[in-house]
Amino acid sequence: MPAGPINCPDDDGSEIVALLTYPGGQRLTIRVDLTGCGTVTNGSVVRTTMGTGSPSPLIRTCEDALGWTTARRGPG
């Protein structure tokens, strides 16, 4: 991610949230933004969801795993 302020005018707050629990009891929350700048975070690491296509490959993978699509998905 670039340093400094980032302008994400199309961010409406929509996201996919994955709550993971491991056998040892450790828990992890992963948030994937569906609009705006398109970030994914586990709370300590932040990366971009940008990729080729719309939606990005990461968002498409999340949607496919959940069996649904976001309203912003275009053809394809």
C-alpha atoms as a PDB file:
ATOM      1  CA  MET A   1       0.000   0.000   0.000  1.00  0.00           C
ATOM      2  CA  PRO A   2       1.256   3.508  -0.714  1.00  0.00           C
ATOM      3  CA  ALA A   3       2.341   5.664   2.203  1.00  0.00           C
ATOM      4  CA  GLY A   4       0.224   8.631   3.229  1.00  0.00           C
ATOM      5  CA  PRO A   5      -3.444   9.493   2.770  1.00  0.00           C
ATOM      6  CA  ILE A   6      -5.459   7.577   0.197  1.00  0.00           C
ATOM      7  CA  ASN A   7      -8.640   8.851  -1.495  1.00  0.00           C
ATOM      8  CA  CYS A   8     -11.269   6.116  -1.967  1.00  0.00           C
ATOM      9  CA  PRO A   9     -14.393   7.999  -3.145  1.00  0.00           C
ATOM     10  CA  ASP A  10     -16.397   4.896  -4.132  1.00  0.00           C
ATOM     11  CA  ASP A  11     -16.046   3.223  -0.711  1.00  0.00           C
ATOM     12  CA  ASP A  12     -19.515   2.378   0.620  1.00  0.00           C
ATOM     13  CA  GLY A  13     -18.227   0.198   3.466  1.00  0.00           C
ATOM     14  CA  SER A  14     -19.288  -3.135   1.934  1.00  0.00           C
ATOM     15  CA  GLU A  15     -16.965  -6.019   2.736  1.00  0.00           C
ATOM     16  CA  ILE A  16     -16.561  -9.755   3.083  1.00  0.00           C
ATOM     17  CA  VAL A  17     -15.534 -10.801   6.595  1.00  0.00           C
ATOM     18  CA  ALA A  18     -14.031 -14.248   7.192  1.00  0.00           C
ATOM     19  CA  LEU A  19     -13.841 -15.447  10.803  1.00  0.00           C
ATOM     20  CA  LEU A  20     -11.385 -18.328  11.153  1.00  0.00           C
ATOM     21  CA  THR A  21     -10.781 -20.517  14.204  1.00  0.00           C
ATOM     22  CA  TYR A  22      -7.853 -22.907  14.283  1.00  0.00           C
ATOM     23  CA  PRO A  23      -7.796 -26.241  16.194  1.00  0.00           C
ATOM     24  CA  GLY A  24      -5.580 -24.723  18.906  1.00  0.00           C
ATOM     25  CA  GLY A  25      -8.176 -22.013  19.574  1.00  0.00           C
ATOM     26  CA  GLN A  26      -6.401 -19.159  17.752  1.00  0.00           C
ATOM     27  CA  ARG A  27      -8.866 -16.869  15.959  1.00  0.00           C
ATOM     28  CA  LEU A  28      -8.292 -14.704  12.903  1.00  0.00           C
ATOM     29  CA  THR A  29     -10.553 -12.144  11.212  1.00  0.00           C
ATOM     30  CA  ILE A  30      -9.930 -11.263   7.568  1.00  0.00           C
ATOM     31  CA  ARG A  31     -11.718  -8.295   5.985  1.00  0.00           C
ATOM     32  CA  VAL A  32     -11.943  -7.791   2.214  1.00  0.00           C
ATOM     33  CA  ASP A  33     -13.267  -4.444   0.945  1.00  0.00           C
ATOM     34  CA  LEU A  34     -15.631  -4.788  -2.013  1.00  0.00           C
ATOM     35  CA  THR A  35     -15.571  -1.105  -2.993  1.00  0.00           C
ATOM     36  CA  GLY A  36     -13.252   1.887  -2.715  1.00  0.00           C
ATOM     37  CA  CYS A  37      -9.526   1.196  -2.727  1.00  0.00           C
ATOM     38  CA  GLY A  38     -10.008  -2.552  -2.361  1.00  0.00           C
ATOM     39  CA  THR A  39      -7.956  -3.660   0.617  1.00  0.00           C
ATOM     40  CA  VAL A  40      -7.704  -6.905   2.505  1.00  0.00           C
ATOM     41  CA  THR A  41      -6.463  -7.059   6.099  1.00  0.00           C
ATOM     42  CA  ASN A  42      -6.045  -9.445   8.979  1.00  0.00           C
ATOM     43  CA  GLY A  43      -5.683  -6.531  11.397  1.00  0.00           C
ATOM     44  CA  SER A  44      -1.913  -6.267  11.211  1.00  0.00           C
ATOM     45  CA  VAL A  45      -1.184  -6.729   7.495  1.00  0.00           C
ATOM     46  CA  VAL A  46      -2.936  -4.689   4.779  1.00  0.00           C
ATOM     47  CA  ARG A  47      -2.754  -5.540   1.082  1.00  0.00           C
ATOM     48  CA  THR A  48      -4.648  -4.487  -2.037  1.00  0.00           C
ATOM     49  CA  THR A  49      -7.251  -6.641  -3.775  1.00  0.00           C
ATOM     50  CA  MET A  50      -6.388  -5.090  -7.118  1.00  0.00           C
ATOM     51  CA  GLY A  51      -5.930  -7.512  -9.957  1.00  0.00           C
ATOM     52  CA  THR A  52      -6.955  -8.135 -13.504  1.00  0.00           C
ATOM     53  CA  GLY A  53     -10.672  -8.170 -14.110  1.00  0.00           C
ATOM     54  CA  SER A  54     -13.731  -6.986 -12.285  1.00  0.00           C
ATOM     55  CA  PRO A  55     -14.069  -7.963  -9.561  1.00  0.00           C
ATOM     56  CA  SER A  56     -10.482  -8.683  -8.633  1.00  0.00           C
ATOM     57  CA  PRO A  57      -9.342 -12.320  -8.539  1.00  0.00           C
ATOM     58  CA  LEU A  58      -9.330 -12.253  -4.709  1.00  0.00           C
ATOM     59  CA  ILE A  59     -12.902 -10.992  -4.473  1.00  0.00           C
ATOM     60  CA  ARG A  60     -14.050 -13.488  -7.118  1.00  0.00           C
ATOM     61  CA  THR A  61     -12.433 -16.316  -5.122  1.00  0.00           C
ATOM     62  CA  CYS A  62     -14.190 -15.168  -1.928  1.00  0.00           C
ATOM     63  CA  GLU A  63     -17.514 -14.925  -3.732  1.00  0.00           C
ATOM     64  CA  ASP A  64     -17.093 -18.364  -5.287  1.00  0.00           C
ATOM     65  CA  ALA A  65     -16.244 -19.885  -1.885  1.00  0.00           C
ATOM     66  CA  LEU A  66     -19.375 -18.309  -0.386  1.00  0.00           C
ATOM     67  CA  GLY A  67     -21.592 -19.183  -3.355  1.00  0.00           C
ATOM     68  CA  TRP A  68     -22.743 -15.628  -4.077  1.00  0.00           C
ATOM     69  CA  THR A  69     -21.783 -12.525  -6.022  1.00  0.00           C
ATOM     70  CA  THR A  70     -21.591  -8.854  -5.112  1.00  0.00           C
ATOM     71  CA  ALA A  71     -23.922  -6.349  -6.732  1.00  0.00           C
ATOM     72  CA  ARG A  72     -20.886  -4.662  -8.310  1.00  0.00           C
ATOM     73  CA  ARG A  73     -19.881  -7.704 -10.350  1.00  0.00           C
ATOM     74  CA  GLY A  74     -19.965  -7.048 -14.040  1.00  0.00           C
ATOM     75  CA  PRO A  75     -20.076  -9.513 -16.927  1.00  0.00           C
ATOM     76  CA  GLY A  76     -17.709 -12.438 -16.735  1.00  0.00           C
END
